[in-house]
Amino acid sequence: MDDVKIILTESLREDYRRLPESIRRKFDKQLRFLAQNPKHPSLQIHRLSDHWEFYVDIHYRCIFQQEGNTYILKHVGGHKIVERFG
């Protein structure tokens, strides 16, 4: 498998800082899955309109763009975040 490159945008970093600690830990775990195996079933990656999302948990999502093996993480937050990009 080709190496996965993950870029954390400033908007993602800002969102992350606002997350509850328990959600940050879940996000960190999902980030490891993404780096090791983007097809990991826990991520439940799927396309929105011009973005993608993966699950942090049942209530939280991460919005990203993909360019080959590069994942550009844009936002993380509650499920409503999807409405902005869907």
C-alpha atoms as a PDB file:
ATOM      1  CA  MET A   1       0.000   0.000   0.000  1.00  0.00           C
ATOM      2  CA  ASP A   2       1.264   3.462  -0.854  1.00  0.00           C
ATOM      3  CA  ASP A   3       2.038   5.825   1.990  1.00  0.00           C
ATOM      4  CA  VAL A   4      -0.885   7.932   3.164  1.00  0.00           C
ATOM      5  CA  LYS A   5      -0.236  11.633   3.702  1.00  0.00           C
ATOM      6  CA  ILE A   6      -2.533  13.533   6.077  1.00  0.00           C
ATOM      7  CA  ILE A   7      -2.676  17.331   6.136  1.00  0.00           C
ATOM      8  CA  LEU A   8      -4.367  19.003   9.098  1.00  0.00           C
ATOM      9  CA  THR A   9      -5.640  22.436   8.037  1.00  0.00           C
ATOM     10  CA  GLU A  10      -5.786  25.335  10.474  1.00  0.00           C
ATOM     11  CA  SER A  11      -9.607  25.146  10.441  1.00  0.00           C
ATOM     12  CA  LEU A  12      -9.378  21.470  11.478  1.00  0.00           C
ATOM     13  CA  ARG A  13      -6.946  22.360  14.265  1.00  0.00           C
ATOM     14  CA  GLU A  14      -9.314  25.061  15.535  1.00  0.00           C
ATOM     15  CA  ASP A  15     -12.265  22.661  15.476  1.00  0.00           C
ATOM     16  CA  TYR A  16     -10.193  20.025  17.277  1.00  0.00           C
ATOM     17  CA  ARG A  17      -9.308  22.411  20.103  1.00  0.00           C
ATOM     18  CA  ARG A  18     -13.038  22.979  20.735  1.00  0.00           C
ATOM     19  CA  LEU A  19     -13.887  19.277  20.962  1.00  0.00           C
ATOM     20  CA  PRO A  20     -14.515  17.580  24.301  1.00  0.00           C
ATOM     21  CA  GLU A  21     -11.496  15.549  25.435  1.00  0.00           C
ATOM     22  CA  SER A  22     -13.356  12.253  24.937  1.00  0.00           C
ATOM     23  CA  ILE A  23     -14.069  13.134  21.286  1.00  0.00           C
ATOM     24  CA  ARG A  24     -10.460  14.216  20.743  1.00  0.00           C
ATOM     25  CA  ARG A  25      -9.328  10.759  21.845  1.00  0.00           C
ATOM     26  CA  LYS A  26     -11.790   9.143  19.418  1.00  0.00           C
ATOM     27  CA  PHE A  27     -10.627  11.455  16.628  1.00  0.00           C
ATOM     28  CA  ASP A  28      -6.986  10.576  17.349  1.00  0.00           C
ATOM     29  CA  LYS A  29      -7.844   6.864  17.110  1.00  0.00           C
ATOM     30  CA  GLN A  30      -9.671   7.362  13.803  1.00  0.00           C
ATOM     31  CA  LEU A  31      -6.737   9.390  12.497  1.00  0.00           C
ATOM     32  CA  ARG A  32      -4.440   6.431  13.200  1.00  0.00           C
ATOM     33  CA  PHE A  33      -6.846   4.162  11.291  1.00  0.00           C
ATOM     34  CA  LEU A  34      -6.856   6.617   8.371  1.00  0.00           C
ATOM     35  CA  ALA A  35      -3.045   6.703   8.285  1.00  0.00           C
ATOM     36  CA  GLN A  36      -2.735   2.905   8.472  1.00  0.00           C
ATOM     37  CA  ASN A  37      -5.718   1.844   6.359  1.00  0.00           C
ATOM     38  CA  PRO A  38      -8.121   4.386   4.818  1.00  0.00           C
ATOM     39  CA  LYS A  39     -10.512   1.508   4.065  1.00  0.00           C
ATOM     40  CA  HIS A  40     -10.846   0.606   7.768  1.00  0.00           C
ATOM     41  CA  PRO A  41     -14.557  -0.125   8.367  1.00  0.00           C
ATOM     42  CA  SER A  42     -14.647   2.009  11.520  1.00  0.00           C
ATOM     43  CA  LEU A  43     -14.094   5.142   9.395  1.00  0.00           C
ATOM     44  CA  GLN A  44     -17.183   4.599   7.217  1.00  0.00           C
ATOM     45  CA  ILE A  45     -15.705   6.962   4.619  1.00  0.00           C
ATOM     46  CA  HIS A  46     -18.159   8.243   2.059  1.00  0.00           C
ATOM     47  CA  ARG A  47     -18.507  11.039  -0.442  1.00  0.00           C
ATOM     48  CA  LEU A  48     -20.501  14.180   0.122  1.00  0.00           C
ATOM     49  CA  SER A  49     -20.797  16.598  -2.820  1.00  0.00           C
ATOM     50  CA  ASP A  50     -17.212  17.775  -3.386  1.00  0.00           C
ATOM     51  CA  HIS A  51     -15.846  16.580  -0.037  1.00  0.00           C
ATOM     52  CA  TRP A  52     -15.615  13.308   1.863  1.00  0.00           C
ATOM     53  CA  GLU A  53     -16.339  12.456   5.472  1.00  0.00           C
ATOM     54  CA  PHE A  54     -15.342   9.856   7.994  1.00  0.00           C
ATOM     55  CA  TYR A  55     -16.969   8.993  11.275  1.00  0.00           C
ATOM     56  CA  VAL A  56     -15.326   9.974  14.536  1.00  0.00           C
ATOM     57  CA  ASP A  57     -18.264   8.370  16.340  1.00  0.00           C
ATOM     58  CA  ILE A  58     -22.035   8.238  15.919  1.00  0.00           C
ATOM     59  CA  HIS A  59     -22.380  12.008  16.498  1.00  0.00           C
ATOM     60  CA  TYR A  60     -19.088  13.472  15.208  1.00  0.00           C
ATOM     61  CA  ARG A  61     -17.652  13.619  11.686  1.00  0.00           C
ATOM     62  CA  CYS A  62     -14.503  14.774   9.960  1.00  0.00           C
ATOM     63  CA  ILE A  63     -14.788  16.512   6.573  1.00  0.00           C
ATOM     64  CA  PHE A  64     -11.873  16.170   4.167  1.00  0.00           C
ATOM     65  CA  GLN A  65     -10.750  16.322   0.578  1.00  0.00           C
ATOM     66  CA  GLN A  66      -8.739  13.582  -1.043  1.00  0.00           C
ATOM     67  CA  GLU A  67      -6.077  13.942  -3.692  1.00  0.00           C
ATOM     68  CA  GLY A  68      -4.644  10.516  -4.428  1.00  0.00           C
ATOM     69  CA  ASN A  69      -3.112   9.237  -1.189  1.00  0.00           C
ATOM     70  CA  THR A  70      -3.256  12.694   0.408  1.00  0.00           C
ATOM     71  CA  TYR A  71      -6.081  13.456   2.819  1.00  0.00           C
ATOM     72  CA  ILE A  72      -6.643  17.148   3.553  1.00  0.00           C
ATOM     73  CA  LEU A  73      -8.664  17.308   6.772  1.00  0.00           C
ATOM     74  CA  LYS A  74     -10.826  20.449   6.792  1.00  0.00           C
ATOM     75  CA  HIS A  75     -13.267  20.279   9.716  1.00  0.00           C
ATOM     76  CA  VAL A  76     -14.297  18.071  12.601  1.00  0.00           C
ATOM     77  CA  GLY A  77     -17.462  18.477  14.608  1.00  0.00           C
ATOM     78  CA  GLY A  78     -20.971  17.332  15.347  1.00  0.00           C
ATOM     79  CA  HIS A  79     -23.019  15.656  12.625  1.00  0.00           C
ATOM     80  CA  LYS A  80     -24.503  19.041  11.643  1.00  0.00           C
ATOM     81  CA  ILE A  81     -21.125  19.912  10.132  1.00  0.00           C
ATOM     82  CA  VAL A  82     -22.051  17.585   7.271  1.00  0.00           C
ATOM     83  CA  GLU A  83     -24.947  19.863   6.285  1.00  0.00           C
ATOM     84  CA  ARG A  84     -22.425  22.582   5.334  1.00  0.00           C
ATOM     85  CA  PHE A  85     -20.667  20.292   2.873  1.00  0.00           C
ATOM     86  CA  GLY A  86     -23.332  17.801   1.789  1.00  0.00           C
END
